[in-house]
Protein backbone atom coordinates (compact mmCIF):
# COMPACT_ATOMS: atom_id res chain seq x y z
CA UNK A 1 -5.74 13.54 25.75
CA UNK A 2 -3.10 10.89 26.43
CA UNK A 3 -1.04 9.21 23.75
CA UNK A 4 -2.56 5.85 24.71
CA UNK A 5 -6.05 7.19 24.04
CA UNK A 6 -5.00 8.58 20.66
CA UNK A 7 -3.63 5.20 19.58
CA UNK A 8 -6.87 3.49 20.60
CA UNK A 9 -8.95 6.18 18.87
CA UNK A 10 -7.07 5.56 15.62
CA UNK A 11 -8.74 2.14 15.52
CA UNK A 12 -12.04 3.02 17.21
CA UNK A 13 -12.90 6.03 15.02
CA UNK A 14 -13.17 4.14 11.70
CA UNK A 15 -14.73 1.13 13.46
CA UNK A 16 -17.44 3.28 15.05
CA UNK A 17 -17.72 5.27 11.84
CA UNK A 18 -18.74 2.06 10.06
CA UNK A 19 -21.67 1.70 12.51
CA UNK A 20 -22.80 5.29 12.01
CA UNK A 21 -22.52 4.95 8.22
CA UNK A 22 -24.72 1.85 8.33
CA UNK A 23 -27.22 3.58 10.62
CA UNK A 24 -27.58 6.52 8.21
CA UNK A 25 -28.00 4.38 5.09
CA UNK A 26 -31.47 5.75 4.29
CA UNK A 27 -30.26 9.36 4.17
CA UNK A 28 -27.52 9.44 1.48
CA UNK A 29 -26.26 12.95 2.23
CA UNK A 30 -25.97 12.16 5.94
CA UNK A 31 -24.30 8.82 5.22
CA UNK A 32 -21.69 10.45 3.02
CA UNK A 33 -21.23 13.31 5.48
CA UNK A 34 -20.50 10.74 8.19
CA UNK A 35 -17.97 9.08 5.87
CA UNK A 36 -16.10 12.35 5.31
CA UNK A 37 -16.28 13.31 9.00
CA UNK A 38 -14.95 9.91 10.08
CA UNK A 39 -12.03 10.10 7.66
CA UNK A 40 -11.21 13.66 8.73
CA UNK A 41 -11.34 12.68 12.42
CA UNK A 42 -8.97 9.78 11.85
CA UNK A 43 -6.50 12.05 10.05
CA UNK A 44 -6.64 14.55 12.93
CA UNK A 45 -5.88 11.80 15.47
CA UNK A 46 -2.92 10.43 13.51
CA UNK A 47 -1.57 13.96 12.98
CA UNK A 48 -1.82 14.55 16.73
CA UNK A 49 0.17 11.36 17.34
CA UNK A 50 2.99 12.63 15.14
CA UNK A 51 3.57 15.51 17.56
CA UNK A 52 3.75 13.33 20.71
CA UNK A 53 7.30 13.24 22.03
CA UNK A 54 6.61 10.12 24.12
CA UNK A 55 5.03 8.10 21.30
CA UNK A 56 7.91 5.70 20.67
CA UNK A 57 8.93 5.23 24.31
CA UNK A 58 5.63 4.21 25.93
CA UNK A 59 5.09 0.59 27.02
CA UNK A 60 2.63 -1.37 24.85
CA UNK A 61 -1.12 -1.19 25.41
CA UNK A 62 -2.35 -4.69 26.39
CA UNK A 63 -5.81 -5.26 24.93
CA UNK A 64 -6.24 -8.88 26.04
CA UNK A 65 -4.34 -11.99 27.09
CA UNK A 66 -6.04 -15.03 25.52
CA UNK A 67 -3.19 -17.35 26.62
CA UNK A 68 -0.49 -17.04 29.24
CA UNK A 69 2.43 -15.20 27.72
CA UNK A 70 0.41 -14.33 24.62
CA UNK A 71 -1.03 -10.83 24.58
CA UNK A 72 -2.84 -8.63 22.10
CA UNK A 73 -0.82 -5.41 22.13
CA UNK A 74 -0.80 -1.99 20.54
CA UNK A 75 2.30 0.17 20.33
CA UNK A 76 3.84 2.77 18.04
CA UNK A 77 7.11 2.92 16.15
CA UNK A 78 8.26 5.13 13.25
CA UNK A 79 7.29 2.82 10.38
CA UNK A 80 3.80 2.25 11.76
CA UNK A 81 3.22 5.96 12.26
CA UNK A 82 4.17 6.66 8.65
CA UNK A 83 1.85 3.92 7.40
CA UNK A 84 -1.01 5.23 9.53
CA UNK A 85 -0.41 8.77 8.30
CA UNK A 86 -0.43 7.78 4.62
CA UNK A 87 -3.57 5.64 4.97
CA UNK A 88 -5.53 8.23 6.95
CA UNK A 89 -4.65 11.10 4.60
CA UNK A 90 -5.50 9.13 1.48
CA UNK A 91 -8.74 7.76 2.95
CA UNK A 92 -10.05 11.30 3.30
CA UNK A 93 -9.19 12.14 -0.33
CA UNK A 94 -10.49 8.76 -1.52
CA UNK A 95 -13.80 9.35 0.27
CA UNK A 96 -14.37 12.59 -1.67
CA UNK A 97 -13.50 10.81 -4.92
CA UNK A 98 -15.59 7.73 -4.13
CA UNK A 99 -18.78 9.63 -3.35
CA UNK A 100 -18.66 11.40 -6.70
CA UNK A 101 -17.67 8.22 -8.58
CA UNK A 102 -20.47 6.13 -7.09
CA UNK A 103 -23.10 8.75 -7.86
CA UNK A 104 -21.83 9.54 -11.36
CA UNK A 105 -21.74 5.89 -12.42
CA UNK A 106 -25.05 4.98 -10.77
CA UNK A 107 -23.34 2.26 -8.74
CA UNK A 108 -25.42 0.23 -6.29
CA UNK A 109 -24.84 -0.72 -2.64
CA UNK A 110 -23.24 2.57 -1.61
CA UNK A 111 -23.68 1.91 2.10
CA UNK A 112 -22.00 -1.49 1.97
CA UNK A 113 -19.01 0.00 0.18
CA UNK A 114 -18.57 2.88 2.65
CA UNK A 115 -18.99 0.54 5.63
CA UNK A 116 -16.39 -1.90 4.29
CA UNK A 117 -14.03 1.00 3.57
CA UNK A 118 -14.29 2.11 7.19
CA UNK A 119 -13.74 -1.40 8.57
CA UNK A 120 -10.75 -1.80 6.26
CA UNK A 121 -9.26 1.43 7.62
CA UNK A 122 -9.82 0.29 11.20
CA UNK A 123 -7.96 -2.92 10.31
CA UNK A 124 -5.21 -0.88 8.64
CA UNK A 125 -4.75 1.20 11.79
CA UNK A 126 -4.62 -2.01 13.80
CA UNK A 127 -1.84 -3.32 11.57
CA UNK A 128 0.06 -0.03 11.83
CA UNK A 129 -0.06 0.00 15.63
CA UNK A 130 0.28 -3.74 16.34
CA UNK A 131 2.70 -4.42 19.14
CA UNK A 132 3.36 -8.06 18.29
CA UNK A 133 2.92 -10.66 15.56
CA UNK A 134 -0.33 -12.13 16.90
CA UNK A 135 -2.06 -8.75 16.93
CA UNK A 136 -0.67 -8.03 13.48
CA UNK A 137 -2.02 -11.34 12.16
CA UNK A 138 -5.54 -10.73 13.48
CA UNK A 139 -5.79 -7.28 11.93
CA UNK A 140 -4.16 -8.57 8.72
CA UNK A 141 -6.91 -11.17 8.37
CA UNK A 142 -9.56 -8.59 9.24
CA UNK A 143 -8.30 -6.42 6.39
CA UNK A 144 -8.59 -9.32 3.94
CA UNK A 145 -12.14 -10.17 5.01
CA UNK A 146 -13.35 -6.56 5.04
CA UNK A 147 -12.07 -5.87 1.52
CA UNK A 148 -13.49 -9.05 -0.03
CA UNK A 149 -17.01 -7.51 -0.39
CA UNK A 150 -15.38 -4.54 -2.09
CA UNK A 151 -13.67 -6.72 -4.69
CA UNK A 152 -16.96 -8.56 -5.40
CA UNK A 153 -19.00 -5.35 -5.26
CA UNK A 154 -20.60 -5.69 -8.72
CA UNK A 155 -21.74 -9.25 -7.94
CA UNK A 156 -21.39 -10.38 -11.57
CA UNK A 157 -19.47 -13.43 -12.80
CA UNK A 158 -16.15 -11.59 -13.20
CA UNK A 159 -16.44 -9.99 -9.75
CA UNK A 160 -17.18 -13.31 -8.04
CA UNK A 161 -14.32 -15.02 -9.89
CA UNK A 162 -11.92 -12.19 -8.99
CA UNK A 163 -13.07 -12.38 -5.38
CA UNK A 164 -12.31 -16.10 -5.27
CA UNK A 165 -8.73 -15.43 -6.37
CA UNK A 166 -8.45 -12.57 -3.89
CA UNK A 167 -9.78 -14.40 -0.86
CA UNK A 168 -8.37 -17.80 -1.75
CA UNK A 169 -4.78 -16.67 -2.27
CA UNK A 170 -4.61 -14.21 0.62
CA UNK A 171 -6.24 -16.52 3.17
CA UNK A 172 -4.36 -19.64 2.10
CA UNK A 173 -0.97 -17.90 2.25
CA UNK A 174 -1.63 -16.23 5.59
CA UNK A 175 -3.04 -19.34 7.28
CA UNK A 176 -0.78 -21.83 5.54
CA UNK A 177 2.51 -19.90 5.68
CA UNK A 178 2.35 -16.74 7.79
CA UNK A 179 0.62 -18.29 10.81
CA UNK A 180 3.07 -21.25 10.99
CA UNK A 181 5.93 -18.73 10.77
CA UNK A 182 4.49 -16.81 13.71
CA UNK A 183 4.00 -20.01 15.73
CA UNK A 184 7.57 -21.08 14.96
CA UNK A 185 8.84 -17.67 16.07
CA UNK A 186 6.88 -17.93 19.32
CA UNK A 187 8.10 -21.48 19.95
CA UNK A 188 11.74 -20.53 19.31
CA UNK A 189 11.81 -17.29 21.31
CA UNK A 190 8.90 -17.42 23.74
CA UNK A 191 7.62 -14.08 22.47
CA UNK A 192 6.02 -12.44 19.44
CA UNK A 193 6.58 -8.87 20.61
CA UNK A 194 8.35 -6.63 18.10
CA UNK A 195 11.76 -5.46 19.21
CA UNK A 196 14.19 -3.07 17.56
CA UNK A 197 17.00 -5.27 16.26
CA UNK A 198 14.89 -8.43 16.18
CA UNK A 199 13.91 -11.23 18.54
CA UNK A 200 15.33 -14.33 16.81
CA UNK A 201 19.04 -13.84 17.39
CA UNK A 202 20.54 -16.81 19.26
CA UNK A 203 17.33 -18.84 18.99
CA UNK A 204 17.56 -20.28 15.49
CA UNK A 205 20.34 -21.48 13.15
CA UNK A 206 21.19 -20.09 9.72
CA UNK A 207 19.25 -22.78 7.84
CA UNK A 208 16.21 -22.16 9.99
CA UNK A 209 16.50 -18.42 9.39
CA UNK A 210 16.28 -18.90 5.63
CA UNK A 211 13.27 -21.25 5.82
CA UNK A 212 11.50 -18.96 8.26
CA UNK A 213 12.25 -15.92 6.11
CA UNK A 214 10.67 -17.63 3.09
CA UNK A 215 7.59 -18.52 5.13
CA UNK A 216 7.17 -14.86 6.05
CA UNK A 217 7.96 -13.61 2.54
CA UNK A 218 5.32 -15.75 0.83
CA UNK A 219 2.96 -15.80 3.80
CA UNK A 220 2.61 -12.03 3.57
CA UNK A 221 0.72 -12.42 0.32
CA UNK A 222 -0.35 -8.78 0.24
CA UNK A 223 3.24 -7.86 -0.65
CA UNK A 224 2.59 -9.66 -3.98
CA UNK A 225 5.95 -11.35 -4.49
CA UNK A 226 5.75 -13.67 -7.49
CA UNK A 227 4.20 -16.20 -7.65
CA UNK A 228 1.91 -14.95 -4.85
CA UNK A 229 0.62 -12.05 -6.93
CA UNK A 230 -2.26 -13.27 -9.06
CA UNK A 231 -4.89 -11.98 -6.63
CA UNK A 232 -3.92 -8.38 -7.35
CA UNK A 233 -4.65 -8.09 -11.10
CA UNK A 234 -7.71 -10.33 -10.70
CA UNK A 235 -9.11 -7.88 -8.13
CA UNK A 236 -9.23 -5.16 -10.79
CA UNK A 237 -12.83 -6.15 -11.53
CA UNK A 238 -13.77 -3.98 -8.55
CA UNK A 239 -14.90 -0.34 -8.93
CA UNK A 240 -11.98 2.05 -9.38
CA UNK A 241 -12.17 3.57 -5.86
CA UNK A 242 -11.72 0.03 -4.53
CA UNK A 243 -8.69 -0.40 -6.80
CA UNK A 244 -7.29 2.79 -5.29
CA UNK A 245 -7.88 1.40 -1.79
CA UNK A 246 -6.19 -1.89 -2.70
CA UNK A 247 -3.17 -0.31 -4.36
CA UNK A 248 -2.47 2.84 -2.38
CA UNK A 249 -4.36 3.23 0.86
CA UNK A 250 -4.50 -0.12 2.61
CA UNK A 251 -4.02 -3.61 1.25
CA UNK A 252 -0.75 -3.73 -0.67
CA UNK A 253 0.78 -1.12 1.62
CA UNK A 254 -0.13 -3.36 4.54
CA UNK A 255 1.80 -6.12 2.77
CA UNK A 256 5.04 -4.23 2.30
CA UNK A 257 4.68 -2.63 5.73
CA UNK A 258 4.49 -6.10 7.29
CA UNK A 259 7.48 -7.24 5.23
CA UNK A 260 9.68 -4.36 6.38
CA UNK A 261 8.44 -4.71 9.96
CA UNK A 262 9.27 -8.43 10.08
CA UNK A 263 12.73 -7.86 8.62
CA UNK A 264 13.68 -5.16 11.13
CA UNK A 265 11.72 -6.11 14.24
CA UNK A 266 11.58 -9.93 14.10
CA UNK A 267 14.76 -11.01 12.30
CA UNK A 268 16.88 -7.90 12.78
CA UNK A 269 19.34 -6.45 10.29
CA UNK A 270 22.44 -7.89 11.97
CA UNK A 271 21.14 -11.46 11.95
CA UNK A 272 20.06 -11.39 8.30
CA UNK A 273 23.29 -9.81 7.12
CA UNK A 274 25.41 -12.28 9.07
CA UNK A 275 23.73 -15.34 7.55
CA UNK A 276 23.13 -13.82 4.12
CA UNK A 277 19.46 -14.83 4.11
CA UNK A 278 18.46 -11.36 2.96
CA UNK A 279 20.09 -11.99 -0.44
CA UNK A 280 17.44 -14.61 -1.26
CA UNK A 281 14.70 -12.06 -0.64
CA UNK A 282 16.57 -9.50 -2.75
CA UNK A 283 16.69 -11.98 -5.63
CA UNK A 284 12.97 -12.85 -5.35
CA UNK A 285 12.04 -9.18 -5.33
CA UNK A 286 14.34 -8.37 -8.26
CA UNK A 287 12.75 -11.13 -10.32
CA UNK A 288 9.28 -9.83 -9.50
CA UNK A 289 10.24 -6.27 -10.48
CA UNK A 290 11.38 -7.29 -13.96
CA UNK A 291 8.81 -10.01 -14.65
CA UNK A 292 5.83 -7.87 -13.61
CA UNK A 293 7.12 -4.98 -15.71
CA UNK A 294 7.36 -7.22 -18.78
CA UNK A 295 3.79 -8.40 -18.23
CA UNK A 296 2.60 -4.81 -17.77
CA UNK A 297 4.00 -3.96 -21.22
CA UNK A 298 1.51 -6.35 -22.83
CA UNK A 299 -1.63 -5.08 -21.06
CA UNK A 300 -4.01 -2.94 -23.08
CA UNK A 301 -6.55 -2.74 -20.26
CA UNK A 302 -5.51 0.34 -18.32
CA UNK A 303 -6.29 -0.96 -14.84
CA UNK A 304 -4.52 -4.26 -15.45
CA UNK A 305 -1.45 -2.40 -16.69
CA UNK A 306 -1.53 -0.36 -13.49
CA UNK A 307 -2.03 -3.54 -11.44
CA UNK A 308 1.10 -5.23 -12.80
CA UNK A 309 2.95 -1.98 -12.28
CA UNK A 310 1.95 -2.21 -8.63
CA UNK A 311 3.29 -5.76 -8.38
CA UNK A 312 6.61 -4.47 -9.69
CA UNK A 313 6.71 -1.30 -7.60
CA UNK A 314 5.94 -3.14 -4.36
CA UNK A 315 9.00 -5.28 -4.85
CA UNK A 316 11.16 -2.16 -4.97
CA UNK A 317 10.20 -1.76 -1.31
CA UNK A 318 10.87 -5.40 -0.44
CA UNK A 319 14.18 -5.46 -2.31
CA UNK A 320 15.38 -2.19 -0.78
CA UNK A 321 14.46 -3.26 2.73
CA UNK A 322 16.22 -6.61 2.24
CA UNK A 323 19.48 -4.91 1.19
CA UNK A 324 19.56 -3.69 4.82
CA UNK A 325 21.77 -0.65 4.48
CA UNK A 326 20.57 2.61 6.09
CA UNK A 327 20.13 4.27 2.70
CA UNK A 328 18.28 1.35 1.12
CA UNK A 329 15.88 1.09 4.06
CA UNK A 330 15.34 4.83 3.85
CA UNK A 331 14.51 4.34 0.16
CA UNK A 332 12.11 1.48 0.97
CA UNK A 333 10.24 3.53 3.55
CA UNK A 334 10.13 6.59 1.33
CA UNK A 335 8.81 4.52 -1.58
CA UNK A 336 5.85 3.41 0.55
CA UNK A 337 4.75 7.05 0.55
CA UNK A 338 5.87 7.90 -2.99
CA UNK A 339 4.12 4.90 -4.52
CA UNK A 340 0.96 5.55 -2.50
CA UNK A 341 0.55 9.11 -3.78
CA UNK A 342 1.56 8.27 -7.34
CA UNK A 343 -0.45 5.08 -7.79
CA UNK A 344 -3.64 6.44 -6.27
CA UNK A 345 -3.42 9.31 -8.76
CA UNK A 346 -3.14 6.82 -11.62
CA UNK A 347 -6.19 4.86 -10.49
CA UNK A 348 -8.14 8.04 -9.85
CA UNK A 349 -7.26 9.02 -13.41
CA UNK A 350 -8.44 5.66 -14.77
CA UNK A 351 -11.72 6.08 -12.91
CA UNK A 352 -12.18 9.62 -14.20
CA UNK A 353 -11.61 8.42 -17.78
CA UNK A 354 -14.18 5.66 -17.31
CA UNK A 355 -16.71 8.04 -15.77
CA UNK A 356 -16.36 10.76 -18.42
CA UNK A 357 -15.62 8.72 -21.55
CA UNK A 358 -16.38 5.07 -20.66
CA UNK A 359 -12.97 3.97 -21.93
CA UNK A 360 -10.93 1.24 -20.26
CA UNK A 361 -8.16 0.44 -22.78
CA UNK A 362 -4.94 2.31 -23.50
CA UNK A 363 -5.55 1.92 -27.24
CA UNK A 364 -8.84 3.83 -26.87
CA UNK A 365 -7.31 6.95 -25.32
CA UNK A 366 -6.18 8.78 -28.47
CA UNK A 367 -6.50 12.53 -27.90
CA UNK A 368 -8.30 12.25 -24.58
CA UNK A 369 -5.68 14.44 -22.91
CA UNK A 370 -6.88 17.41 -24.94
CA UNK A 371 -10.42 16.91 -23.66
CA UNK A 372 -9.45 15.99 -20.08
CA UNK A 373 -6.29 18.07 -19.51
CA UNK A 374 -6.51 18.21 -15.72
CA UNK A 375 -7.00 14.47 -15.39
CA UNK A 376 -4.30 13.51 -17.85
CA UNK A 377 -1.92 16.20 -16.57
CA UNK A 378 -2.18 14.72 -13.08
CA UNK A 379 -1.83 11.24 -14.60
CA UNK A 380 1.39 12.33 -16.33
CA UNK A 381 2.84 13.63 -13.05
CA UNK A 382 2.12 10.27 -11.41
CA UNK A 383 3.77 8.49 -14.33
CA UNK A 384 6.92 10.53 -13.73
CA UNK A 385 6.93 9.30 -10.13
CA UNK A 386 6.52 5.66 -11.13
CA UNK A 387 9.34 5.97 -13.67
CA UNK A 388 11.54 7.81 -11.14
CA UNK A 389 11.91 11.23 -12.74
CA UNK A 390 11.81 14.68 -11.11
CA UNK A 391 9.91 16.62 -9.89
CA UNK A 392 8.03 13.60 -8.52
CA UNK A 393 8.67 11.70 -5.29
CA UNK A 394 9.50 8.38 -6.93
CA UNK A 395 12.81 9.85 -8.10
CA UNK A 396 13.99 10.28 -4.49
CA UNK A 397 13.07 6.77 -3.39
CA UNK A 398 14.88 5.22 -6.36
CA UNK A 399 17.88 7.44 -5.64
CA UNK A 400 18.09 6.24 -2.04
CA UNK A 401 17.64 2.60 -3.07
CA UNK A 402 20.42 2.90 -5.65
CA UNK A 403 22.73 4.59 -3.14
CA UNK A 404 21.98 1.82 -0.66
CA UNK A 405 22.81 -0.81 -3.27
CA UNK A 406 26.13 0.89 -4.03
CA UNK A 407 26.88 1.00 -0.28
CA UNK A 408 26.33 -2.77 -0.13
CA UNK A 409 28.41 -3.32 -3.30
CA UNK A 410 25.34 -4.92 -4.84
CA UNK A 411 25.76 -4.03 -8.52
CA UNK A 412 23.10 -6.50 -9.75
CA UNK A 413 20.50 -4.47 -7.85
CA UNK A 414 21.73 -1.32 -9.59
CA UNK A 415 21.25 -3.11 -12.90
CA UNK A 416 17.73 -4.16 -11.92
CA UNK A 417 16.87 -0.56 -11.02
CA UNK A 418 18.14 0.77 -14.34
CA UNK A 419 16.42 -1.91 -16.42
CA UNK A 420 13.13 -1.57 -14.54
CA UNK A 421 13.23 2.20 -14.98
CA UNK A 422 13.43 1.71 -18.74
CA UNK A 423 10.57 -0.79 -18.60
CA UNK A 424 8.49 1.61 -16.49
CA UNK A 425 8.97 4.29 -19.10
CA UNK A 426 8.07 1.79 -21.84
CA UNK A 427 4.60 1.14 -20.44
CA UNK A 428 3.79 4.56 -18.96
CA UNK A 429 5.04 6.97 -21.63
CA UNK A 430 2.84 5.47 -24.40
CA UNK A 431 -0.27 6.16 -22.28
CA UNK A 432 0.60 9.86 -21.95
CA UNK A 433 1.73 10.11 -25.58
CA UNK A 434 -1.48 8.51 -26.82
CA UNK A 435 -3.61 10.82 -24.69
CA UNK A 436 -1.97 14.08 -25.73
CA UNK A 437 -0.43 13.58 -29.15
CA UNK A 438 -2.41 10.97 -31.06
CA UNK A 439 -5.55 11.85 -33.06
CA UNK A 440 -8.82 11.92 -31.13
CA UNK A 441 -10.34 8.45 -31.34
CA UNK A 442 -12.45 8.55 -28.19
CA UNK A 443 -15.70 10.05 -29.53
CA UNK A 444 -15.67 11.81 -26.18
CA UNK A 445 -17.42 15.18 -26.09
CA UNK A 446 -18.08 15.80 -22.42
CA UNK A 447 -14.81 17.11 -21.02
CA UNK A 448 -13.63 16.28 -17.51
CA UNK A 449 -15.22 13.96 -14.96
CA UNK A 450 -17.26 15.57 -12.13
CA UNK A 451 -15.24 18.20 -10.28
CA UNK A 452 -14.87 16.35 -6.91
CA UNK A 453 -13.09 13.52 -8.75
CA UNK A 454 -10.82 15.96 -10.58
CA UNK A 455 -10.03 17.84 -7.37
CA UNK A 456 -9.13 14.57 -5.63
CA UNK A 457 -6.77 13.34 -8.35
CA UNK A 458 -5.13 16.76 -8.70
CA UNK A 459 -4.62 16.82 -4.92
CA UNK A 460 -2.81 13.48 -4.93
CA UNK A 461 -0.70 14.57 -7.91
CA UNK A 462 0.28 17.70 -5.97
CA UNK A 463 1.17 15.50 -2.98
CA UNK A 464 3.50 13.53 -5.27
CA UNK A 465 5.34 16.75 -6.17
CA UNK A 466 5.17 18.12 -2.61
CA UNK A 467 6.80 14.96 -1.27
CA UNK A 468 9.69 15.49 -3.70
CA UNK A 469 10.15 19.09 -2.48
CA UNK A 470 9.51 18.44 1.24
CA UNK A 471 10.55 14.84 1.99
CA UNK A 472 11.38 15.45 5.65
CA UNK A 473 8.55 13.57 7.40
CA UNK A 474 9.13 10.10 5.88
CA UNK A 475 12.91 10.56 5.90
CA UNK A 476 12.94 11.59 9.56
CA UNK A 477 10.84 8.57 10.50
CA UNK A 478 12.99 6.24 8.38
CA UNK A 479 16.12 7.54 10.10
CA UNK A 480 14.79 6.21 13.42
CA UNK A 481 14.50 2.60 12.24
CA UNK A 482 16.92 -0.04 13.60
CA UNK A 483 19.32 -0.68 10.72
CA UNK A 484 22.97 -1.72 10.91
CA UNK A 485 25.17 1.30 10.39
CA UNK A 486 22.74 3.80 11.93
């Protein structure tokens, strides 16, 4: 099977899977079997792509040419392959978790949720393998639209209100800011095709670079830079598997992926460093890291605390990428994986607590760790990763980011990293302490959540540790990215 076919299958498999899931809606076991099989097939295809020696040298696949000089293209590069690998692996684990969660909580509209999950993953694969900005934009919008029914899944007042924030902010920023930035790029350069080292050099002045960079930064609303972040905590009204999809598998990872891709393949490291425009993005991200962490400290609702943590953690990636040293970019790319494995574990844990004990607030978790040791043990491992402590993967990404900041003589960034680490500990450690060491206040007598949910969250916790021990895949891919200094 050719590499071209594998790239196309990465999008077609989840898209066709959505049709088969819908067709089997009246036979629940078959429907859920199709969901698992589709996710496993996608993972197999992406894994096969990783072993293709010609993957990064092939010309783009042209899907269509709606206008002269404007093509819809698919192509592969190291960052996109990593993103596709993370999303496909976690979709399989999420599917196992979701099936058990939906059944255990007697949730309705199972078929709609599984279909939208599959469409969202097809859109995610399209983003990962987009060959130019226009293709990226179309799949980016498809991801927003396909996840809106997931956010509003419960169809109550809170879900509808959260969905309005979600759709309103993401669509308005992408159409009002991102699309004009893409059109400006096309007008200035005559192309939207991604190119190692950028496409804007020599086509736009320093002032224009800064304005255009801000349009991209805020237009990519899924990266959740403040103040374009409100959609993310408001979307926590969705079922917990949807929260996991939003925070780890697809949506926010699509945001930071697009941010890094635009920096390296549209602007180029040399151009941004020469004009100093990257420093503005570093400052915006640093502010978001600290501000979101301070807000997270005040949240008693567990999912909202995790949501503001995500806002903060995403900006580690943006800040590190904007520093534009080889080590900082390596840290940014590695944190995409580290945060994905850690944060999905945290949301899986929150869902397991809700399923087994019907608790949603941190203050209600006294002693629950003694009744749910597997869940809270995995939760504690993920907390270590978010704080940046060994033996969890988040320690390595923070280490690379800090080394990159030192290489750029950017001591304020080092200060931000140290302060945010203390803040991370301040809102994660109390959760673990409450669960294991405070008196039992939960009135919970039923032990762990159903075993498929526990297996899924333990698997992602193990992946967090495994990535710390064997970090080669993301580091090898990050080393191939076009950054000044090699």
